């Protein structure tokens, strides 16, 4: 799950990892108008991460490509199950 917020509202959406180094993709509308960098990414096991950087996005095609902040010890949590 991805949790985002602006000055008055909170939003949530889904996304998925496309590499083990924390690269992920989601829908742009979940991030639109929010404070980039304040988003919380929550995994199925309850662990939470912040967005480290936004690499690409398109409002027209409704996608956002980003990388999360993580330590090397958490690599296994991002592997496909």
C-alpha atoms as a PDB file:
ATOM      1  CA  UNK A   1       0.000   0.000   0.000  1.00  0.00           C
ATOM      2  CA  UNK A   2       1.041   3.560  -0.634  1.00  0.00           C
ATOM      3  CA  UNK A   3      -0.146   6.316   1.675  1.00  0.00           C
ATOM      4  CA  UNK A   4       0.144   9.957   0.595  1.00  0.00           C
ATOM      5  CA  UNK A   5      -1.248  13.247   1.845  1.00  0.00           C
ATOM      6  CA  UNK A   6      -1.652  16.871   0.909  1.00  0.00           C
ATOM      7  CA  UNK A   7      -2.460  19.796   3.209  1.00  0.00           C
ATOM      8  CA  UNK A   8      -5.941  18.489   4.057  1.00  0.00           C
ATOM      9  CA  UNK A   9      -6.461  14.944   2.746  1.00  0.00           C
ATOM     10  CA  UNK A  10      -4.870  11.530   2.946  1.00  0.00           C
ATOM     11  CA  UNK A  11      -4.867   9.049   0.053  1.00  0.00           C
ATOM     12  CA  UNK A  12      -3.952   5.428  -0.465  1.00  0.00           C
ATOM     13  CA  UNK A  13      -3.261   3.273  -3.460  1.00  0.00           C
ATOM     14  CA  UNK A  14      -1.364   0.245  -4.601  1.00  0.00           C
ATOM     15  CA  UNK A  15       1.960  -0.268  -6.297  1.00  0.00           C
ATOM     16  CA  UNK A  16       4.540  -2.946  -6.829  1.00  0.00           C
ATOM     17  CA  UNK A  17       8.279  -3.406  -6.880  1.00  0.00           C
ATOM     18  CA  UNK A  18       9.939  -4.044 -10.214  1.00  0.00           C
ATOM     19  CA  UNK A  19      13.435  -4.707  -8.863  1.00  0.00           C
ATOM     20  CA  UNK A  20      15.056  -5.869  -5.651  1.00  0.00           C
ATOM     21  CA  UNK A  21      16.847  -2.541  -5.163  1.00  0.00           C
ATOM     22  CA  UNK A  22      13.616  -0.744  -4.206  1.00  0.00           C
ATOM     23  CA  UNK A  23      12.446   0.441  -7.627  1.00  0.00           C
ATOM     24  CA  UNK A  24       8.651   0.594  -7.698  1.00  0.00           C
ATOM     25  CA  UNK A  25       5.751   1.789  -9.821  1.00  0.00           C
ATOM     26  CA  UNK A  26       2.302   3.073  -8.934  1.00  0.00           C
ATOM     27  CA  UNK A  27      -0.448   5.302 -10.282  1.00  0.00           C
ATOM     28  CA  UNK A  28       0.386   8.985 -10.584  1.00  0.00           C
ATOM     29  CA  UNK A  29      -3.032  10.066  -9.276  1.00  0.00           C
ATOM     30  CA  UNK A  30      -2.116   8.599  -5.863  1.00  0.00           C
ATOM     31  CA  UNK A  31       0.829  11.046  -5.673  1.00  0.00           C
ATOM     32  CA  UNK A  32      -0.636  14.046  -7.514  1.00  0.00           C
ATOM     33  CA  UNK A  33      -0.676  17.160  -5.339  1.00  0.00           C
ATOM     34  CA  UNK A  34       1.015  15.459  -2.409  1.00  0.00           C
ATOM     35  CA  UNK A  35       4.264  16.251  -0.686  1.00  0.00           C
ATOM     36  CA  UNK A  36       6.775  14.152  -2.642  1.00  0.00           C
ATOM     37  CA  UNK A  37       9.059  12.530  -0.112  1.00  0.00           C
ATOM     38  CA  UNK A  38       6.419  12.346   2.620  1.00  0.00           C
ATOM     39  CA  UNK A  39       4.751   9.259   1.162  1.00  0.00           C
ATOM     40  CA  UNK A  40       4.770   6.023   3.130  1.00  0.00           C
ATOM     41  CA  UNK A  41       5.124   2.656   1.427  1.00  0.00           C
ATOM     42  CA  UNK A  42       3.830  -0.200   3.591  1.00  0.00           C
ATOM     43  CA  UNK A  43       4.631  -3.830   2.785  1.00  0.00           C
ATOM     44  CA  UNK A  44       2.454  -6.842   3.522  1.00  0.00           C
ATOM     45  CA  UNK A  45       4.482  -7.485   6.704  1.00  0.00           C
ATOM     46  CA  UNK A  46       3.828  -3.998   8.100  1.00  0.00           C
ATOM     47  CA  UNK A  47       7.310  -2.569   7.388  1.00  0.00           C
ATOM     48  CA  UNK A  48       7.216   1.014   6.184  1.00  0.00           C
ATOM     49  CA  UNK A  49       9.514   2.954   3.852  1.00  0.00           C
ATOM     50  CA  UNK A  50       9.718   6.475   2.440  1.00  0.00           C
ATOM     51  CA  UNK A  51      10.139   7.476  -1.182  1.00  0.00           C
ATOM     52  CA  UNK A  52      13.791   8.298  -1.838  1.00  0.00           C
ATOM     53  CA  UNK A  53      13.450   9.666  -5.363  1.00  0.00           C
ATOM     54  CA  UNK A  54      10.995   9.967  -8.223  1.00  0.00           C
ATOM     55  CA  UNK A  55      12.565   8.806 -11.475  1.00  0.00           C
ATOM     56  CA  UNK A  56       9.726   9.359 -13.940  1.00  0.00           C
ATOM     57  CA  UNK A  57       6.015  10.055 -14.034  1.00  0.00           C
ATOM     58  CA  UNK A  58       3.187  10.811 -16.431  1.00  0.00           C
ATOM     59  CA  UNK A  59      -0.132  12.330 -15.509  1.00  0.00           C
ATOM     60  CA  UNK A  60      -1.431  11.421 -18.994  1.00  0.00           C
ATOM     61  CA  UNK A  61      -0.571   7.705 -18.639  1.00  0.00           C
ATOM     62  CA  UNK A  62      -1.136   7.701 -14.853  1.00  0.00           C
ATOM     63  CA  UNK A  63       2.123   6.154 -13.683  1.00  0.00           C
ATOM     64  CA  UNK A  64       4.960   7.104 -11.373  1.00  0.00           C
ATOM     65  CA  UNK A  65       8.305   5.328 -11.114  1.00  0.00           C
ATOM     66  CA  UNK A  66      10.179   5.789  -7.848  1.00  0.00           C
ATOM     67  CA  UNK A  67      12.750   4.264  -5.519  1.00  0.00           C
ATOM     68  CA  UNK A  68      12.276   3.761  -1.784  1.00  0.00           C
ATOM     69  CA  UNK A  69      14.757   4.455   0.993  1.00  0.00           C
ATOM     70  CA  UNK A  70      15.980   1.177   2.431  1.00  0.00           C
ATOM     71  CA  UNK A  71      18.986  -0.426   4.025  1.00  0.00           C
ATOM     72  CA  UNK A  72      20.827  -3.392   2.551  1.00  0.00           C
ATOM     73  CA  UNK A  73      19.473  -5.644   5.308  1.00  0.00           C
ATOM     74  CA  UNK A  74      15.949  -5.274   3.909  1.00  0.00           C
ATOM     75  CA  UNK A  75      16.724  -6.547   0.403  1.00  0.00           C
ATOM     76  CA  UNK A  76      15.072  -9.922   1.010  1.00  0.00           C
ATOM     77  CA  UNK A  77      11.762  -8.243   1.893  1.00  0.00           C
ATOM     78  CA  UNK A  78      11.478  -6.899  -1.642  1.00  0.00           C
ATOM     79  CA  UNK A  79      12.151 -10.186  -3.425  1.00  0.00           C
ATOM     80  CA  UNK A  80       9.332 -11.877  -5.294  1.00  0.00           C
ATOM     81  CA  UNK A  81       7.328 -14.367  -3.313  1.00  0.00           C
END
